[in-house]
C-alpha cells in the first residue's frame, strides 16, 4: 500500500490526500486516514526516542543507575517486587511509583467528589 501511495504521488505530483481524491472523490478518506496514522506513529516514536536518550545519557554514570553494583552503593533498592531495572524505570524515568514503592494517587478531589481517576 505504501509503495502504491509513493508511485501515485510521483506520477501525479501531488500529496497523499489529493492523489486519493483524484482517483475517486470517495477515497479522500483513505488519504486523510493515512496522514493521520503517520502523525500518530511519529508522536508515539518520539516517546520511545526520548526514553532511549534518557537511557543513553544515564549510561555515562559510574556505576550505572540500574546495575546491581549500584543497588549496593548509592541507589538503595527499596522495591522488593521489582527488579532494579524496573525500579529505576518506574521511579526515575516514568515517576509512576513513590520512593516507598507505592503507586502515585492520580485521583484529584474537588469539593469532596472524585473528578478524575485512572
PDB file of N, CA and C in Angstrom:
ATOM      1  N   UNK A   1       0.831  -1.190   0.000  1.00  0.00           N
ATOM      2  CA  UNK A   1       0.000   0.000   0.000  1.00  0.00           C
ATOM      3  C   UNK A   1       0.876   1.254   0.000  1.00  0.00           C
ATOM      4  N   UNK A   2       1.961   1.204   0.793  1.00  0.00           N
ATOM      5  CA  UNK A   2       2.845   2.359   0.847  1.00  0.00           C
ATOM      6  C   UNK A   2       3.522   2.592  -0.502  1.00  0.00           C
ATOM      7  N   UNK A   3       3.939   1.518  -1.164  1.00  0.00           N
ATOM      8  CA  UNK A   3       4.572   1.660  -2.473  1.00  0.00           C
ATOM      9  C   UNK A   3       3.575   2.209  -3.497  1.00  0.00           C
ATOM     10  N   UNK A   4       2.310   1.799  -3.382  1.00  0.00           N
ATOM     11  CA  UNK A   4       1.277   2.344  -4.255  1.00  0.00           C
ATOM     12  C   UNK A   4       1.129   3.842  -4.039  1.00  0.00           C
ATOM     13  N   UNK A   5       1.114   4.265  -2.783  1.00  0.00           N
ATOM     14  CA  UNK A   5       0.993   5.694  -2.495  1.00  0.00           C
ATOM     15  C   UNK A   5       2.206   6.459  -3.008  1.00  0.00           C
ATOM     16  N   UNK A   6       3.401   5.899  -2.834  1.00  0.00           N
ATOM     17  CA  UNK A   6       4.602   6.554  -3.354  1.00  0.00           C
ATOM     18  C   UNK A   6       4.542   6.689  -4.871  1.00  0.00           C
ATOM     19  N   UNK A   7       4.160   5.602  -5.538  1.00  0.00           N
ATOM     20  CA  UNK A   7       4.120   5.616  -7.003  1.00  0.00           C
ATOM     21  C   UNK A   7       3.071   6.601  -7.511  1.00  0.00           C
ATOM     22  N   UNK A   8       1.884   6.568  -6.917  1.00  0.00           N
ATOM     23  CA  UNK A   8       0.844   7.503  -7.344  1.00  0.00           C
ATOM     24  C   UNK A   8       1.233   8.948  -7.052  1.00  0.00           C
ATOM     25  N   UNK A   9       1.890   9.186  -5.945  1.00  0.00           N
ATOM     26  CA  UNK A   9       2.342  10.535  -5.631  1.00  0.00           C
ATOM     27  C   UNK A   9       3.384  11.032  -6.614  1.00  0.00           C
ATOM     28  N   UNK A  10       4.274  10.150  -7.060  1.00  0.00           N
ATOM     29  CA  UNK A  10       5.277  10.535  -8.046  1.00  0.00           C
ATOM     30  C   UNK A  10       4.642  10.807  -9.411  1.00  0.00           C
ATOM     31  N   UNK A  11       3.696   9.962  -9.802  1.00  0.00           N
ATOM     32  CA  UNK A  11       3.070  10.118 -11.112  1.00  0.00           C
ATOM     33  C   UNK A  11       2.219  11.385 -11.151  1.00  0.00           C
ATOM     34  N   UNK A  12       1.437  11.606 -10.112  1.00  0.00           N
ATOM     35  CA  UNK A  12       0.503  12.740 -10.117  1.00  0.00           C
ATOM     36  C   UNK A  12       1.111  14.018  -9.560  1.00  0.00           C
ATOM     37  N   UNK A  13       2.291  13.926  -8.945  1.00  0.00           N
ATOM     38  CA  UNK A  13       2.976  15.092  -8.383  1.00  0.00           C
ATOM     39  C   UNK A  13       2.095  15.851  -7.384  1.00  0.00           C
ATOM     40  N   UNK A  14       1.424  15.094  -6.522  1.00  0.00           N
ATOM     41  CA  UNK A  14       0.554  15.691  -5.512  1.00  0.00           C
ATOM     42  C   UNK A  14       0.733  14.964  -4.193  1.00  0.00           C
ATOM     43  N   UNK A  15       0.122  15.499  -3.170  1.00  0.00           N
ATOM     44  CA  UNK A  15       0.180  14.893  -1.851  1.00  0.00           C
ATOM     45  C   UNK A  15      -0.762  13.718  -1.729  1.00  0.00           C
ATOM     46  N   UNK A  16      -0.723  13.097  -0.580  1.00  0.00           N
ATOM     47  CA  UNK A  16      -1.467  11.865  -0.337  1.00  0.00           C
ATOM     48  C   UNK A  16      -2.979  12.063  -0.453  1.00  0.00           C
ATOM     49  N   UNK A  17      -3.495  13.087   0.155  1.00  0.00           N
ATOM     50  CA  UNK A  17      -4.944  13.314   0.130  1.00  0.00           C
ATOM     51  C   UNK A  17      -5.407  13.667  -1.275  1.00  0.00           C
ATOM     52  N   UNK A  18      -4.657  14.490  -1.966  1.00  0.00           N
ATOM     53  CA  UNK A  18      -5.029  14.889  -3.330  1.00  0.00           C
ATOM     54  C   UNK A  18      -4.982  13.715  -4.301  1.00  0.00           C
ATOM     55  N   UNK A  19      -4.014  12.817  -4.120  1.00  0.00           N
ATOM     56  CA  UNK A  19      -3.916  11.649  -5.001  1.00  0.00           C
ATOM     57  C   UNK A  19      -5.155  10.784  -4.870  1.00  0.00           C
ATOM     58  N   UNK A  20      -5.553  10.472  -3.640  1.00  0.00           N
ATOM     59  CA  UNK A  20      -6.725   9.623  -3.444  1.00  0.00           C
ATOM     60  C   UNK A  20      -7.996  10.334  -3.894  1.00  0.00           C
ATOM     61  N   UNK A  21      -8.040  11.655  -3.764  1.00  0.00           N
ATOM     62  CA  UNK A  21      -9.199  12.421  -4.219  1.00  0.00           C
ATOM     63  C   UNK A  21      -9.294  12.395  -5.748  1.00  0.00           C
ATOM     64  N   UNK A  22      -8.155  12.451  -6.430  1.00  0.00           N
ATOM     65  CA  UNK A  22      -8.171  12.403  -7.894  1.00  0.00           C
ATOM     66  C   UNK A  22      -8.558  11.020  -8.408  1.00  0.00           C
ATOM     67  N   UNK A  23      -8.214   9.963  -7.671  1.00  0.00           N
ATOM     68  CA  UNK A  23      -8.627   8.628  -8.097  1.00  0.00           C
ATOM     69  C   UNK A  23     -10.137   8.481  -8.028  1.00  0.00           C
ATOM     70  N   UNK A  24     -10.687   8.884  -6.910  1.00  0.00           N
ATOM     71  CA  UNK A  24     -12.146   8.908  -6.746  1.00  0.00           C
ATOM     72  C   UNK A  24     -12.439   9.792  -5.536  1.00  0.00           C
ATOM     73  N   UNK A  25     -13.426  10.694  -5.647  1.00  0.00           N
ATOM     74  CA  UNK A  25     -13.699  11.608  -4.527  1.00  0.00           C
ATOM     75  C   UNK A  25     -14.039  10.899  -3.211  1.00  0.00           C
ATOM     76  N   UNK A  26     -14.593   9.715  -3.286  1.00  0.00           N
ATOM     77  CA  UNK A  26     -14.925   8.997  -2.056  1.00  0.00           C
ATOM     78  C   UNK A  26     -13.687   8.410  -1.378  1.00  0.00           C
ATOM     79  N   UNK A  27     -12.573   8.343  -2.076  1.00  0.00           N
ATOM     80  CA  UNK A  27     -11.349   7.802  -1.494  1.00  0.00           C
ATOM     81  C   UNK A  27     -10.528   8.857  -0.748  1.00  0.00           C
ATOM     82  N   UNK A  28     -11.042  10.051  -0.619  1.00  0.00           N
ATOM     83  CA  UNK A  28     -10.333  11.105   0.122  1.00  0.00           C
ATOM     84  C   UNK A  28     -10.100  10.680   1.568  1.00  0.00           C
ATOM     85  N   UNK A  29     -11.023   9.941   2.123  1.00  0.00           N
ATOM     86  CA  UNK A  29     -10.885   9.466   3.499  1.00  0.00           C
ATOM     87  C   UNK A  29      -9.686   8.552   3.687  1.00  0.00           C
ATOM     88  N   UNK A  30      -9.322   7.789   2.653  1.00  0.00           N
ATOM     89  CA  UNK A  30      -8.148   6.930   2.742  1.00  0.00           C
ATOM     90  C   UNK A  30      -6.897   7.787   2.891  1.00  0.00           C
ATOM     91  N   UNK A  31      -6.812   8.859   2.134  1.00  0.00           N
ATOM     92  CA  UNK A  31      -5.669   9.775   2.243  1.00  0.00           C
ATOM     93  C   UNK A  31      -5.614  10.460   3.590  1.00  0.00           C
ATOM     94  N   UNK A  32      -6.757  10.896   4.075  1.00  0.00           N
ATOM     95  CA  UNK A  32      -6.807  11.551   5.387  1.00  0.00           C
ATOM     96  C   UNK A  32      -6.413  10.565   6.479  1.00  0.00           C
ATOM     97  N   UNK A  33      -6.898   9.327   6.385  1.00  0.00           N
ATOM     98  CA  UNK A  33      -6.578   8.317   7.392  1.00  0.00           C
ATOM     99  C   UNK A  33      -5.085   7.982   7.388  1.00  0.00           C
ATOM    100  N   UNK A  34      -4.468   7.907   6.222  1.00  0.00           N
ATOM    101  CA  UNK A  34      -3.043   7.585   6.175  1.00  0.00           C
ATOM    102  C   UNK A  34      -2.194   8.732   6.710  1.00  0.00           C
ATOM    103  N   UNK A  35      -2.601   9.966   6.450  1.00  0.00           N
ATOM    104  CA  UNK A  35      -1.865  11.113   7.007  1.00  0.00           C
ATOM    105  C   UNK A  35      -2.018  11.140   8.524  1.00  0.00           C
ATOM    106  N   UNK A  36      -3.220  10.891   9.013  1.00  0.00           N
ATOM    107  CA  UNK A  36      -3.460  10.852  10.458  1.00  0.00           C
ATOM    108  C   UNK A  36      -2.646   9.735  11.109  1.00  0.00           C
ATOM    109  N   UNK A  37      -2.611   8.562  10.478  1.00  0.00           N
ATOM    110  CA  UNK A  37      -1.837   7.440  11.022  1.00  0.00           C
ATOM    111  C   UNK A  37      -0.350   7.769  11.062  1.00  0.00           C
ATOM    112  N   UNK A  38       0.145   8.449  10.042  1.00  0.00           N
ATOM    113  CA  UNK A  38       1.561   8.817  10.026  1.00  0.00           C
ATOM    114  C   UNK A  38       1.894   9.776  11.172  1.00  0.00           C
ATOM    115  N   UNK A  39       1.018  10.731  11.444  1.00  0.00           N
ATOM    116  CA  UNK A  39       1.251  11.649  12.562  1.00  0.00           C
ATOM    117  C   UNK A  39       1.194  10.928  13.905  1.00  0.00           C
ATOM    118  N   UNK A  40       0.249  10.029  14.077  1.00  0.00           N
ATOM    119  CA  UNK A  40       0.141   9.310  15.344  1.00  0.00           C
ATOM    120  C   UNK A  40       1.354   8.408  15.577  1.00  0.00           C
ATOM    121  N   UNK A  41       1.842   7.776  14.539  1.00  0.00           N
ATOM    122  CA  UNK A  41       3.030   6.937  14.672  1.00  0.00           C
ATOM    123  C   UNK A  41       4.242   7.789  15.021  1.00  0.00           C
ATOM    124  N   UNK A  42       4.353   8.959  14.415  1.00  0.00           N
ATOM    125  CA  UNK A  42       5.506   9.821  14.729  1.00  0.00           C
ATOM    126  C   UNK A  42       5.442  10.327  16.170  1.00  0.00           C
ATOM    127  N   UNK A  43       4.258  10.624  16.691  1.00  0.00           N
ATOM    128  CA  UNK A  43       4.142  11.026  18.090  1.00  0.00           C
ATOM    129  C   UNK A  43       4.549   9.884  19.017  1.00  0.00           C
ATOM    130  N   UNK A  44       4.136   8.677  18.690  1.00  0.00           N
ATOM    131  CA  UNK A  44       4.464   7.515  19.503  1.00  0.00           C
ATOM    132  C   UNK A  44       5.972   7.270  19.507  1.00  0.00           C
ATOM    133  N   UNK A  45       6.604   7.361  18.352  1.00  0.00           N
ATOM    134  CA  UNK A  45       8.032   7.104  18.274  1.00  0.00           C
ATOM    135  C   UNK A  45       8.856   8.198  18.947  1.00  0.00           C
ATOM    136  N   UNK A  46       8.330   9.405  19.062  1.00  0.00           N
ATOM    137  CA  UNK A  46       9.035  10.453  19.811  1.00  0.00           C
ATOM    138  C   UNK A  46       9.191  10.064  21.269  1.00  0.00           C
ATOM    139  N   UNK A  47       8.191   9.423  21.835  1.00  0.00           N
ATOM    140  CA  UNK A  47       8.274   8.972  23.227  1.00  0.00           C
ATOM    141  C   UNK A  47       9.349   7.903  23.366  1.00  0.00           C
ATOM    142  N   UNK A  48       9.369   6.958  22.447  1.00  0.00           N
ATOM    143  CA  UNK A  48      10.369   5.887  22.506  1.00  0.00           C
ATOM    144  C   UNK A  48      11.781   6.451  22.332  1.00  0.00           C
ATOM    145  N   UNK A  49      11.952   7.394  21.434  1.00  0.00           N
ATOM    146  CA  UNK A  49      13.271   8.004  21.227  1.00  0.00           C
ATOM    147  C   UNK A  49      13.694   8.789  22.462  1.00  0.00           C
ATOM    148  N   UNK A  50      12.754   9.452  23.127  1.00  0.00           N
ATOM    149  CA  UNK A  50      13.118  10.191  24.346  1.00  0.00           C
ATOM    150  C   UNK A  50      13.564   9.241  25.448  1.00  0.00           C
ATOM    151  N   UNK A  51      12.919   8.064  25.572  1.00  0.00           N
ATOM    152  CA  UNK A  51      13.376   7.076  26.549  1.00  0.00           C
ATOM    153  C   UNK A  51      14.783   6.615  26.215  1.00  0.00           C
ATOM    154  N   UNK A  52      15.043   6.393  24.931  1.00  0.00           N
ATOM    155  CA  UNK A  52      16.377   5.954  24.520  1.00  0.00           C
ATOM    156  C   UNK A  52      17.424   7.016  24.849  1.00  0.00           C
ATOM    157  N   UNK A  53      17.084   8.295  24.668  1.00  0.00           N
ATOM    158  CA  UNK A  53      18.031   9.367  25.005  1.00  0.00           C
ATOM    159  C   UNK A  53      18.278   9.456  26.505  1.00  0.00           C
ATOM    160  N   UNK A  54      17.231   9.259  27.301  1.00  0.00           N
ATOM    161  CA  UNK A  54      17.411   9.277  28.758  1.00  0.00           C
ATOM    162  C   UNK A  54      18.345   8.161  29.185  1.00  0.00           C
ATOM    163  N   UNK A  55      18.118   6.963  28.651  1.00  0.00           N
ATOM    164  CA  UNK A  55      18.993   5.842  28.983  1.00  0.00           C
ATOM    165  C   UNK A  55      20.404   6.059  28.458  1.00  0.00           C
ATOM    166  N   UNK A  56      20.538   6.682  27.295  1.00  0.00           N
ATOM    167  CA  UNK A  56      21.864   6.946  26.733  1.00  0.00           C
ATOM    168  C   UNK A  56      22.661   7.861  27.656  1.00  0.00           C
ATOM    169  N   UNK A  57      22.061   8.970  28.089  1.00  0.00           N
ATOM    170  CA  UNK A  57      22.788   9.894  28.950  1.00  0.00           C
ATOM    171  C   UNK A  57      22.956   9.338  30.365  1.00  0.00           C
ATOM    172  N   UNK A  58      22.028   8.511  30.819  1.00  0.00           N
ATOM    173  CA  UNK A  58      22.185   7.881  32.129  1.00  0.00           C
ATOM    174  C   UNK A  58      23.282   6.831  32.125  1.00  0.00           C
ATOM    175  N   UNK A  59      23.604   6.306  30.959  1.00  0.00           N
ATOM    176  CA  UNK A  59      24.627   5.259  30.886  1.00  0.00           C
ATOM    177  C   UNK A  59      26.036   5.799  31.081  1.00  0.00           C
ATOM    178  N   UNK A  60      26.193   7.106  31.155  1.00  0.00           N
ATOM    179  CA  UNK A  60      27.515   7.678  31.398  1.00  0.00           C
ATOM    180  C   UNK A  60      27.857   7.749  32.889  1.00  0.00           C
ATOM    181  N   UNK A  61      26.897   7.461  33.759  1.00  0.00           N
ATOM    182  CA  UNK A  61      27.175   7.454  35.190  1.00  0.00           C
ATOM    183  C   UNK A  61      27.937   6.185  35.567  1.00  0.00           C
ATOM    184  N   UNK A  62      28.793   6.325  36.555  1.00  0.00           N
ATOM    185  CA  UNK A  62      29.545   5.172  37.036  1.00  0.00           C
ATOM    186  C   UNK A  62      29.310   5.045  38.528  1.00  0.00           C
ATOM    187  N   UNK A  63      28.713   4.010  39.034  1.00  0.00           N
ATOM    188  CA  UNK A  63      28.120   2.846  38.373  1.00  0.00           C
ATOM    189  C   UNK A  63      26.777   3.187  37.751  1.00  0.00           C
ATOM    190  N   UNK A  64      26.309   2.331  36.893  1.00  0.00           N
ATOM    191  CA  UNK A  64      25.035   2.568  36.224  1.00  0.00           C
ATOM    192  C   UNK A  64      23.906   2.631  37.240  1.00  0.00           C
ATOM    193  N   UNK A  65      22.933   3.523  37.028  1.00  0.00           N
ATOM    194  CA  UNK A  65      21.832   3.641  37.994  1.00  0.00           C
ATOM    195  C   UNK A  65      20.997   2.370  38.129  1.00  0.00           C
ATOM    196  N   UNK A  66      20.987   1.527  37.131  1.00  0.00           N
ATOM    197  CA  UNK A  66      20.164   0.318  37.160  1.00  0.00           C
ATOM    198  C   UNK A  66      20.988  -0.952  37.344  1.00  0.00           C
ATOM    199  N   UNK A  67      22.236  -0.817  37.758  1.00  0.00           N
ATOM    200  CA  UNK A  67      23.072  -2.001  37.937  1.00  0.00           C
ATOM    201  C   UNK A  67      22.940  -2.550  39.349  1.00  0.00           C
ATOM    202  N   UNK A  68      23.271  -3.813  39.518  1.00  0.00           N
ATOM    203  CA  UNK A  68      23.215  -4.421  40.848  1.00  0.00           C
ATOM    204  C   UNK A  68      24.326  -3.874  41.724  1.00  0.00           C
ATOM    205  N   UNK A  69      25.423  -3.444  41.107  1.00  0.00           N
ATOM    206  CA  UNK A  69      26.513  -2.831  41.862  1.00  0.00           C
ATOM    207  C   UNK A  69      26.033  -1.537  42.501  1.00  0.00           C
ATOM    208  N   UNK A  70      25.231  -0.783  41.762  1.00  0.00           N
ATOM    209  CA  UNK A  70      24.704   0.477  42.275  1.00  0.00           C
ATOM    210  C   UNK A  70      23.649   0.231  43.341  1.00  0.00           C
ATOM    211  N   UNK A  71      22.983  -0.903  43.310  1.00  0.00           N
ATOM    212  CA  UNK A  71      21.990  -1.214  44.347  1.00  0.00           C
ATOM    213  C   UNK A  71      22.669  -1.374  45.702  1.00  0.00           C
ATOM    214  N   UNK A  72      23.921  -1.814  45.672  1.00  0.00           N
ATOM    215  CA  UNK A  72      24.654  -1.958  46.923  1.00  0.00           C
ATOM    216  C   UNK A  72      25.295  -0.650  47.360  1.00  0.00           C
ATOM    217  N   UNK A  73      25.489   0.297  46.440  1.00  0.00           N
ATOM    218  CA  UNK A  73      26.192   1.543  46.738  1.00  0.00           C
ATOM    219  C   UNK A  73      25.211   2.675  47.040  1.00  0.00           C
ATOM    220  N   UNK A  74      25.090   3.625  46.125  1.00  0.00           N
ATOM    221  CA  UNK A  74      24.311   4.842  46.371  1.00  0.00           C
ATOM    222  C   UNK A  74      22.802   4.611  46.267  1.00  0.00           C
ATOM    223  N   UNK A  75      22.389   3.946  45.224  1.00  0.00           N
ATOM    224  CA  UNK A  75      20.971   3.778  44.932  1.00  0.00           C
ATOM    225  C   UNK A  75      20.442   2.605  45.737  1.00  0.00           C
ATOM    226  N   UNK A  76      19.660   2.868  46.735  1.00  0.00           N
ATOM    227  CA  UNK A  76      19.168   1.776  47.578  1.00  0.00           C
ATOM    228  C   UNK A  76      17.921   1.183  46.944  1.00  0.00           C
ATOM    229  N   UNK A  77      17.953  -0.096  46.751  1.00  0.00           N
ATOM    230  CA  UNK A  77      16.806  -0.799  46.189  1.00  0.00           C
ATOM    231  C   UNK A  77      15.777  -0.990  47.293  1.00  0.00           C
ATOM    232  N   UNK A  78      14.616  -0.400  47.112  1.00  0.00           N
ATOM    233  CA  UNK A  78      13.588  -0.463  48.135  1.00  0.00           C
ATOM    234  C   UNK A  78      12.381  -1.279  47.705  1.00  0.00           C
ATOM    235  N   UNK A  79      12.183  -1.467  46.431  1.00  0.00           N
ATOM    236  CA  UNK A  79      11.019  -2.201  45.939  1.00  0.00           C
ATOM    237  C   UNK A  79      11.372  -3.676  45.806  1.00  0.00           C
ATOM    238  N   UNK A  80      10.781  -4.489  46.662  1.00  0.00           N
ATOM    239  CA  UNK A  80      11.083  -5.921  46.643  1.00  0.00           C
ATOM    240  C   UNK A  80      10.436  -6.626  45.460  1.00  0.00           C
ATOM    241  N   UNK A  81       9.296  -6.113  44.977  1.00  0.00           N
ATOM    242  CA  UNK A  81       8.573  -6.810  43.912  1.00  0.00           C
ATOM    243  C   UNK A  81       9.111  -6.490  42.518  1.00  0.00           C
ATOM    244  N   UNK A  82       9.977  -5.487  42.390  1.00  0.00           N
ATOM    245  CA  UNK A  82      10.537  -5.121  41.094  1.00  0.00           C
ATOM    246  C   UNK A  82      12.023  -5.428  41.047  1.00  0.00           C
ATOM    247  N   UNK A  83      12.529  -5.904  39.904  1.00  0.00           N
ATOM    248  CA  UNK A  83      13.980  -5.948  39.726  1.00  0.00           C
ATOM    249  C   UNK A  83      14.516  -4.516  39.673  1.00  0.00           C
ATOM    250  N   UNK A  84      15.803  -4.344  39.868  1.00  0.00           N
ATOM    251  CA  UNK A  84      16.348  -2.984  39.958  1.00  0.00           C
ATOM    252  C   UNK A  84      16.179  -2.210  38.655  1.00  0.00           C
ATOM    253  N   UNK A  85      16.179  -2.911  37.522  1.00  0.00           N
ATOM    254  CA  UNK A  85      15.984  -2.207  36.251  1.00  0.00           C
ATOM    255  C   UNK A  85      14.582  -1.631  36.151  1.00  0.00           C
ATOM    256  N   UNK A  86      13.570  -2.404  36.560  1.00  0.00           N
ATOM    257  CA  UNK A  86      12.203  -1.896  36.529  1.00  0.00           C
ATOM    258  C   UNK A  86      11.985  -0.821  37.584  1.00  0.00           C
ATOM    259  N   UNK A  87      12.622  -0.989  38.722  1.00  0.00           N
ATOM    260  CA  UNK A  87      12.503   0.026  39.760  1.00  0.00           C
ATOM    261  C   UNK A  87      13.058   1.359  39.263  1.00  0.00           C
ATOM    262  N   UNK A  88      14.204   1.331  38.608  1.00  0.00           N
ATOM    263  CA  UNK A  88      14.780   2.557  38.054  1.00  0.00           C
ATOM    264  C   UNK A  88      13.842   3.157  37.010  1.00  0.00           C
ATOM    265  N   UNK A  89      13.266   2.316  36.148  1.00  0.00           N
ATOM    266  CA  UNK A  89      12.385   2.811  35.093  1.00  0.00           C
ATOM    267  C   UNK A  89      11.139   3.457  35.677  1.00  0.00           C
ATOM    268  N   UNK A  90      10.492   2.781  36.627  1.00  0.00           N
ATOM    269  CA  UNK A  90       9.248   3.306  37.180  1.00  0.00           C
ATOM    270  C   UNK A  90       9.468   4.491  38.124  1.00  0.00           C
ATOM    271  N   UNK A  91      10.544   4.470  38.900  1.00  0.00           N
ATOM    272  CA  UNK A  91      10.785   5.552  39.855  1.00  0.00           C
ATOM    273  C   UNK A  91      11.408   6.780  39.203  1.00  0.00           C
ATOM    274  N   UNK A  92      12.473   6.573  38.417  1.00  0.00           N
ATOM    275  CA  UNK A  92      13.255   7.709  37.947  1.00  0.00           C
ATOM    276  C   UNK A  92      12.908   8.173  36.538  1.00  0.00           C
ATOM    277  N   UNK A  93      12.407   7.281  35.720  1.00  0.00           N
ATOM    278  CA  UNK A  93      12.076   7.670  34.352  1.00  0.00           C
ATOM    279  C   UNK A  93      10.607   8.059  34.249  1.00  0.00           C
ATOM    280  N   UNK A  94       9.706   7.168  34.614  1.00  0.00           N
ATOM    281  CA  UNK A  94       8.276   7.433  34.482  1.00  0.00           C
ATOM    282  C   UNK A  94       7.668   8.167  35.669  1.00  0.00           C
ATOM    283  N   UNK A  95       8.273   8.034  36.845  1.00  0.00           N
ATOM    284  CA  UNK A  95       7.752   8.639  38.081  1.00  0.00           C
ATOM    285  C   UNK A  95       6.318   8.181  38.352  1.00  0.00           C
ATOM    286  N   UNK A  96       6.087   6.870  38.225  1.00  0.00           N
ATOM    287  CA  UNK A  96       4.757   6.341  38.491  1.00  0.00           C
ATOM    288  C   UNK A  96       4.641   5.695  39.867  1.00  0.00           C
ATOM    289  N   UNK A  97       5.773   5.498  40.544  1.00  0.00           N
ATOM    290  CA  UNK A  97       5.725   4.980  41.906  1.00  0.00           C
ATOM    291  C   UNK A  97       6.518   5.914  42.816  1.00  0.00           C
ATOM    292  N   UNK A  98       6.130   5.941  44.070  1.00  0.00           N
ATOM    293  CA  UNK A  98       6.774   6.804  45.051  1.00  0.00           C
ATOM    294  C   UNK A  98       8.097   6.183  45.494  1.00  0.00           C
ATOM    295  N   UNK A  99       8.932   6.916  46.226  1.00  0.00           N
ATOM    296  CA  UNK A  99      10.156   6.318  46.757  1.00  0.00           C
ATOM    297  C   UNK A  99       9.898   5.148  47.709  1.00  0.00           C
ATOM    298  N   UNK A 100       8.673   5.063  48.258  1.00  0.00           N
ATOM    299  CA  UNK A 100       8.314   3.941  49.132  1.00  0.00           C
ATOM    300  C   UNK A 100       7.680   2.788  48.366  1.00  0.00           C
ATOM    301  N   UNK A 101       7.777   2.802  47.042  1.00  0.00           N
ATOM    302  CA  UNK A 101       7.260   1.749  46.146  1.00  0.00           C
ATOM    303  C   UNK A 101       5.742   1.676  46.125  1.00  0.00           C
ATOM    304  N   UNK A 102       5.074   2.739  46.444  1.00  0.00           N
ATOM    305  CA  UNK A 102       3.620   2.806  46.329  1.00  0.00           C
ATOM    306  C   UNK A 102       3.283   3.544  45.039  1.00  0.00           C
ATOM    307  N   UNK A 103       2.174   3.152  44.408  1.00  0.00           N
ATOM    308  CA  UNK A 103       1.751   3.852  43.209  1.00  0.00           C
ATOM    309  C   UNK A 103       1.222   5.225  43.594  1.00  0.00           C
ATOM    310  N   UNK A 104       1.524   6.211  42.738  1.00  0.00           N
ATOM    311  CA  UNK A 104       1.031   7.556  42.993  1.00  0.00           C
ATOM    312  C   UNK A 104      -0.483   7.584  42.876  1.00  0.00           C
ATOM    313  N   UNK A 105      -1.116   8.358  43.742  1.00  0.00           N
ATOM    314  CA  UNK A 105      -2.557   8.541  43.683  1.00  0.00           C
ATOM    315  C   UNK A 105      -2.832   9.583  42.613  1.00  0.00           C
ATOM    316  N   UNK A 106      -3.444   9.161  41.508  1.00  0.00           N
ATOM    317  CA  UNK A 106      -3.688  10.077  40.398  1.00  0.00           C
ATOM    318  C   UNK A 106      -5.085  10.661  40.420  1.00  0.00           C
ATOM    319  N   UNK A 107      -5.854  10.344  41.436  1.00  0.00           N
ATOM    320  CA  UNK A 107      -7.189  10.913  41.511  1.00  0.00           C
ATOM    321  C   UNK A 107      -7.102  12.281  42.175  1.00  0.00           C
ATOM    322  N   UNK A 108      -7.919  13.188  41.701  1.00  0.00           N
ATOM    323  CA  UNK A 108      -7.985  14.514  42.292  1.00  0.00           C
ATOM    324  C   UNK A 108      -9.384  14.717  42.846  1.00  0.00           C
ATOM    325  N   UNK A 109      -9.452  15.386  43.965  1.00  0.00           N
ATOM    326  CA  UNK A 109     -10.763  15.632  44.568  1.00  0.00           C
ATOM    327  C   UNK A 109     -11.019  17.123  44.595  1.00  0.00           C
ATOM    328  N   UNK A 110     -12.228  17.472  44.226  1.00  0.00           N
ATOM    329  CA  UNK A 110     -12.672  18.870  44.305  1.00  0.00           C
ATOM    330  C   UNK A 110     -14.066  18.853  44.937  1.00  0.00           C
ATOM    331  N   UNK A 111     -14.193  19.475  46.022  1.00  0.00           N
ATOM    332  CA  UNK A 111     -15.487  19.544  46.680  1.00  0.00           C
ATOM    333  C   UNK A 111     -15.948  18.198  47.222  1.00  0.00           C
ATOM    334  N   UNK A 112     -15.010  17.317  47.543  1.00  0.00           N
ATOM    335  CA  UNK A 112     -15.367  16.036  48.116  1.00  0.00           C
ATOM    336  C   UNK A 112     -15.649  14.945  47.100  1.00  0.00           C
ATOM    337  N   UNK A 113     -15.832  15.289  45.828  1.00  0.00           N
ATOM    338  CA  UNK A 113     -16.115  14.271  44.809  1.00  0.00           C
ATOM    339  C   UNK A 113     -14.873  14.020  43.981  1.00  0.00           C
ATOM    340  N   UNK A 114     -14.682  12.780  43.603  1.00  0.00           N
ATOM    341  CA  UNK A 114     -13.539  12.441  42.769  1.00  0.00           C
ATOM    342  C   UNK A 114     -13.826  12.871  41.352  1.00  0.00           C
ATOM    343  N   UNK A 115     -12.947  13.726  40.821  1.00  0.00           N
ATOM    344  CA  UNK A 115     -13.172  14.267  39.487  1.00  0.00           C
ATOM    345  C   UNK A 115     -12.604  13.370  38.407  1.00  0.00           C
ATOM    346  N   UNK A 116     -11.409  12.837  38.615  1.00  0.00           N
ATOM    347  CA  UNK A 116     -10.747  12.017  37.613  1.00  0.00           C
ATOM    348  C   UNK A 116      -9.974  10.913  38.311  1.00  0.00           C
ATOM    349  N   UNK A 117     -10.096   9.719  37.798  1.00  0.00           N
ATOM    350  CA  UNK A 117      -9.384   8.612  38.421  1.00  0.00           C
ATOM    351  C   UNK A 117      -8.921   7.657  37.339  1.00  0.00           C
ATOM    352  N   UNK A 118      -7.689   7.192  37.474  1.00  0.00           N
ATOM    353  CA  UNK A 118      -7.140   6.232  36.496  1.00  0.00           C
ATOM    354  C   UNK A 118      -7.738   4.888  36.723  1.00  0.00           C
TER     355      UNK A 118
END
